[in-house]
Amino acid sequence: MSKIQFIEFDGERRFAVVPIELWERLGAQEALEDAEDLAALAQFRRTDTGARVPHSVVKRIAEGKHPIAAWRAERKLSAAELARRAGVTRQMMSLIESGKRIGTAGVLRKIANALEVPLDALLQSA
């Protein structure tokens, strides 16, 4: 097959079927990859929440810190100040950060709001 074939809809050319040799010569594979990248970027932009995790937070969590402690350090807050802002006791904050308590959804939501992060940023993976 050495000729280009066209597929028409309603009397208009909509698609072209080209021989692979021509496809490769024209760099169509790169064009296809660019189109796929653009589609992936568009999907990301549609679903992006804007939330970002700084490297320092990721590093602290990887070193074994509780996500709340990592974010608290990033925000330069003492445990007492974070507890005050979140409306929880300092003791509760300590128990959660040490892993002795998990914290209810309501408490974690208050802490997330005080840290100005999404709730899921404070959840530890198993």
C-alpha atoms as a PDB file:
ATOM      1  CA  MET A   1       0.000   0.000   0.000  1.00  0.00           C
ATOM      2  CA  SER A   2       1.689   3.188  -1.155  1.00  0.00           C
ATOM      3  CA  LYS A   3      -1.202   5.585  -1.475  1.00  0.00           C
ATOM      4  CA  ILE A   4      -2.956   7.618   1.145  1.00  0.00           C
ATOM      5  CA  GLN A   5      -6.539   6.553   1.755  1.00  0.00           C
ATOM      6  CA  PHE A   6      -9.138   9.045   2.922  1.00  0.00           C
ATOM      7  CA  ILE A   7     -12.196   8.372   5.018  1.00  0.00           C
ATOM      8  CA  GLU A   8     -15.099  10.681   4.394  1.00  0.00           C
ATOM      9  CA  PHE A   9     -18.164  11.608   6.428  1.00  0.00           C
ATOM     10  CA  ASP A  10     -20.955  13.668   4.915  1.00  0.00           C
ATOM     11  CA  GLY A  11     -18.864  14.226   1.816  1.00  0.00           C
ATOM     12  CA  GLU A  12     -15.892  15.679   3.715  1.00  0.00           C
ATOM     13  CA  ARG A  13     -12.492  14.142   4.285  1.00  0.00           C
ATOM     14  CA  ARG A  14     -12.155  13.479   8.018  1.00  0.00           C
ATOM     15  CA  PHE A  15      -9.335  10.930   8.305  1.00  0.00           C
ATOM     16  CA  ALA A  16      -6.286   9.896   6.308  1.00  0.00           C
ATOM     17  CA  VAL A  17      -4.723   6.452   6.351  1.00  0.00           C
ATOM     18  CA  VAL A  18      -1.077   6.712   5.380  1.00  0.00           C
ATOM     19  CA  PRO A  19       1.596   4.074   4.752  1.00  0.00           C
ATOM     20  CA  ILE A  20       3.846   3.510   7.754  1.00  0.00           C
ATOM     21  CA  GLU A  21       6.922   4.639   5.803  1.00  0.00           C
ATOM     22  CA  LEU A  22       5.311   8.015   5.162  1.00  0.00           C
ATOM     23  CA  TRP A  23       4.114   8.223   8.761  1.00  0.00           C
ATOM     24  CA  GLU A  24       7.652   7.693  10.022  1.00  0.00           C
ATOM     25  CA  ARG A  25       9.183  10.098   7.498  1.00  0.00           C
ATOM     26  CA  LEU A  26       6.810  12.871   8.484  1.00  0.00           C
ATOM     27  CA  GLY A  27       7.572  12.428  12.168  1.00  0.00           C
ATOM     28  CA  ALA A  28       3.946  11.653  12.796  1.00  0.00           C
ATOM     29  CA  GLN A  29       4.844   9.531  15.815  1.00  0.00           C
ATOM     30  CA  GLU A  30       6.317  12.591  17.514  1.00  0.00           C
ATOM     31  CA  ALA A  31       3.242  14.590  16.555  1.00  0.00           C
ATOM     32  CA  LEU A  32       1.041  11.883  18.024  1.00  0.00           C
ATOM     33  CA  GLU A  33       3.069  11.898  21.248  1.00  0.00           C
ATOM     34  CA  ASP A  34       2.771  15.694  21.396  1.00  0.00           C
ATOM     35  CA  ALA A  35      -0.998  15.401  20.961  1.00  0.00           C
ATOM     36  CA  GLU A  36      -1.149  12.793  23.736  1.00  0.00           C
ATOM     37  CA  ASP A  37       0.930  15.060  25.998  1.00  0.00           C
ATOM     38  CA  LEU A  38      -1.378  17.982  25.280  1.00  0.00           C
ATOM     39  CA  ALA A  39      -4.415  15.828  26.081  1.00  0.00           C
ATOM     40  CA  ALA A  40      -2.810  14.696  29.350  1.00  0.00           C
ATOM     41  CA  LEU A  41      -2.017  18.306  30.249  1.00  0.00           C
ATOM     42  CA  ALA A  42      -5.595  19.355  29.519  1.00  0.00           C
ATOM     43  CA  GLN A  43      -6.895  16.526  31.734  1.00  0.00           C
ATOM     44  CA  PHE A  44      -4.526  17.589  34.531  1.00  0.00           C
ATOM     45  CA  ARG A  45      -5.700  21.198  34.284  1.00  0.00           C
ATOM     46  CA  ARG A  46      -9.353  20.113  34.454  1.00  0.00           C
ATOM     47  CA  THR A  47      -8.795  18.086  37.616  1.00  0.00           C
ATOM     48  CA  ASP A  48      -6.015  20.046  39.356  1.00  0.00           C
ATOM     49  CA  THR A  49      -7.009  21.189  42.830  1.00  0.00           C
ATOM     50  CA  GLY A  50      -4.021  23.483  43.137  1.00  0.00           C
ATOM     51  CA  ALA A  51      -2.716  21.604  46.177  1.00  0.00           C
ATOM     52  CA  ARG A  52       1.046  21.171  46.235  1.00  0.00           C
ATOM     53  CA  VAL A  53       3.252  19.390  48.764  1.00  0.00           C
ATOM     54  CA  PRO A  54       6.621  21.049  49.379  1.00  0.00           C
ATOM     55  CA  HIS A  55       9.711  18.862  49.201  1.00  0.00           C
ATOM     56  CA  SER A  56      10.487  19.615  52.848  1.00  0.00           C
ATOM     57  CA  VAL A  57       7.139  18.093  53.874  1.00  0.00           C
ATOM     58  CA  VAL A  58       7.662  15.022  51.702  1.00  0.00           C
ATOM     59  CA  LYS A  59      11.160  14.593  53.133  1.00  0.00           C
ATOM     60  CA  ARG A  60       9.970  14.834  56.752  1.00  0.00           C
ATOM     61  CA  ILE A  61       7.222  12.283  56.124  1.00  0.00           C
ATOM     62  CA  ALA A  62       9.714   9.952  54.389  1.00  0.00           C
ATOM     63  CA  GLU A  63      11.935  10.260  57.464  1.00  0.00           C
ATOM     64  CA  GLY A  64       9.064   8.985  59.594  1.00  0.00           C
ATOM     65  CA  LYS A  65       7.437  12.183  60.830  1.00  0.00           C
ATOM     66  CA  HIS A  66       3.658  12.257  61.105  1.00  0.00           C
ATOM     67  CA  PRO A  67       2.147  14.355  58.284  1.00  0.00           C
ATOM     68  CA  ILE A  68       0.729  16.801  60.852  1.00  0.00           C
ATOM     69  CA  ALA A  69       4.180  17.316  62.365  1.00  0.00           C
ATOM     70  CA  ALA A  70       5.680  17.734  58.889  1.00  0.00           C
ATOM     71  CA  TRP A  71       3.115  20.355  57.880  1.00  0.00           C
ATOM     72  CA  ARG A  72       3.337  22.054  61.277  1.00  0.00           C
ATOM     73  CA  ALA A  73       7.111  22.438  60.826  1.00  0.00           C
ATOM     74  CA  GLU A  74       6.555  23.768  57.307  1.00  0.00           C
ATOM     75  CA  ARG A  75       4.130  26.367  58.668  1.00  0.00           C
ATOM     76  CA  LYS A  76       6.580  27.180  61.499  1.00  0.00           C
ATOM     77  CA  LEU A  77       3.987  26.500  64.197  1.00  0.00           C
ATOM     78  CA  SER A  78       4.523  25.030  67.620  1.00  0.00           C
ATOM     79  CA  ALA A  79       2.311  22.119  68.601  1.00  0.00           C
ATOM     80  CA  ALA A  80       0.655  24.353  71.183  1.00  0.00           C
ATOM     81  CA  GLU A  81      -0.105  27.061  68.604  1.00  0.00           C
ATOM     82  CA  LEU A  82      -1.490  24.551  66.106  1.00  0.00           C
ATOM     83  CA  ALA A  83      -3.658  23.004  68.830  1.00  0.00           C
ATOM     84  CA  ARG A  84      -4.961  26.464  69.740  1.00  0.00           C
ATOM     85  CA  ARG A  85      -5.747  27.347  66.124  1.00  0.00           C
ATOM     86  CA  ALA A  86      -7.443  23.989  65.554  1.00  0.00           C
ATOM     87  CA  GLY A  87      -9.420  24.169  68.797  1.00  0.00           C
ATOM     88  CA  VAL A  88      -8.050  20.899  70.188  1.00  0.00           C
ATOM     89  CA  THR A  89      -6.020  20.201  73.296  1.00  0.00           C
ATOM     90  CA  ARG A  90      -2.236  20.137  73.211  1.00  0.00           C
ATOM     91  CA  GLN A  91      -2.437  16.616  74.616  1.00  0.00           C
ATOM     92  CA  MET A  92      -4.645  15.441  71.742  1.00  0.00           C
ATOM     93  CA  MET A  93      -2.238  17.009  69.246  1.00  0.00           C
ATOM     94  CA  SER A  94       0.657  15.168  70.883  1.00  0.00           C
ATOM     95  CA  LEU A  95      -1.182  11.836  70.859  1.00  0.00           C
ATOM     96  CA  ILE A  96      -2.029  12.170  67.167  1.00  0.00           C
ATOM     97  CA  GLU A  97       1.471  13.277  66.110  1.00  0.00           C
ATOM     98  CA  SER A  98       3.060  10.449  68.105  1.00  0.00           C
ATOM     99  CA  GLY A  99       0.752   7.883  66.480  1.00  0.00           C
ATOM    100  CA  LYS A 100      -0.839   6.866  69.768  1.00  0.00           C
ATOM    101  CA  ARG A 101      -4.193   8.132  68.506  1.00  0.00           C
ATOM    102  CA  ILE A 102      -5.524   8.405  64.989  1.00  0.00           C
ATOM    103  CA  GLY A 103      -7.833  11.354  65.515  1.00  0.00           C
ATOM    104  CA  THR A 104     -11.438  11.565  64.470  1.00  0.00           C
ATOM    105  CA  ALA A 105     -12.394  12.937  61.075  1.00  0.00           C
ATOM    106  CA  GLY A 106     -13.689  16.067  62.792  1.00  0.00           C
ATOM    107  CA  VAL A 107     -10.445  16.676  64.692  1.00  0.00           C
ATOM    108  CA  LEU A 108      -8.323  16.021  61.614  1.00  0.00           C
ATOM    109  CA  ARG A 109     -10.511  18.389  59.602  1.00  0.00           C
ATOM    110  CA  LYS A 110      -9.949  21.135  62.197  1.00  0.00           C
ATOM    111  CA  ILE A 111      -6.200  20.550  62.089  1.00  0.00           C
ATOM    112  CA  ALA A 112      -6.201  20.546  58.268  1.00  0.00           C
ATOM    113  CA  ASN A 113      -8.083  23.844  58.264  1.00  0.00           C
ATOM    114  CA  ALA A 114      -5.639  25.340  60.770  1.00  0.00           C
ATOM    115  CA  LEU A 115      -2.709  24.208  58.591  1.00  0.00           C
ATOM    116  CA  GLU A 116      -4.508  25.329  55.408  1.00  0.00           C
ATOM    117  CA  VAL A 117      -4.045  21.948  53.719  1.00  0.00           C
ATOM    118  CA  PRO A 118      -6.524  19.409  52.315  1.00  0.00           C
ATOM    119  CA  LEU A 119      -7.638  16.789  54.812  1.00  0.00           C
ATOM    120  CA  ASP A 120      -6.073  13.973  52.809  1.00  0.00           C
ATOM    121  CA  ALA A 121      -2.649  15.625  53.189  1.00  0.00           C
ATOM    122  CA  LEU A 122      -2.737  14.627  56.863  1.00  0.00           C
ATOM    123  CA  LEU A 123      -3.667  10.992  56.404  1.00  0.00           C
ATOM    124  CA  GLN A 124      -0.936   8.420  56.846  1.00  0.00           C
ATOM    125  CA  SER A 125      -0.688   5.544  54.417  1.00  0.00           C
ATOM    126  CA  ALA A 126      -0.699   2.057  55.861  1.00  0.00           C
END
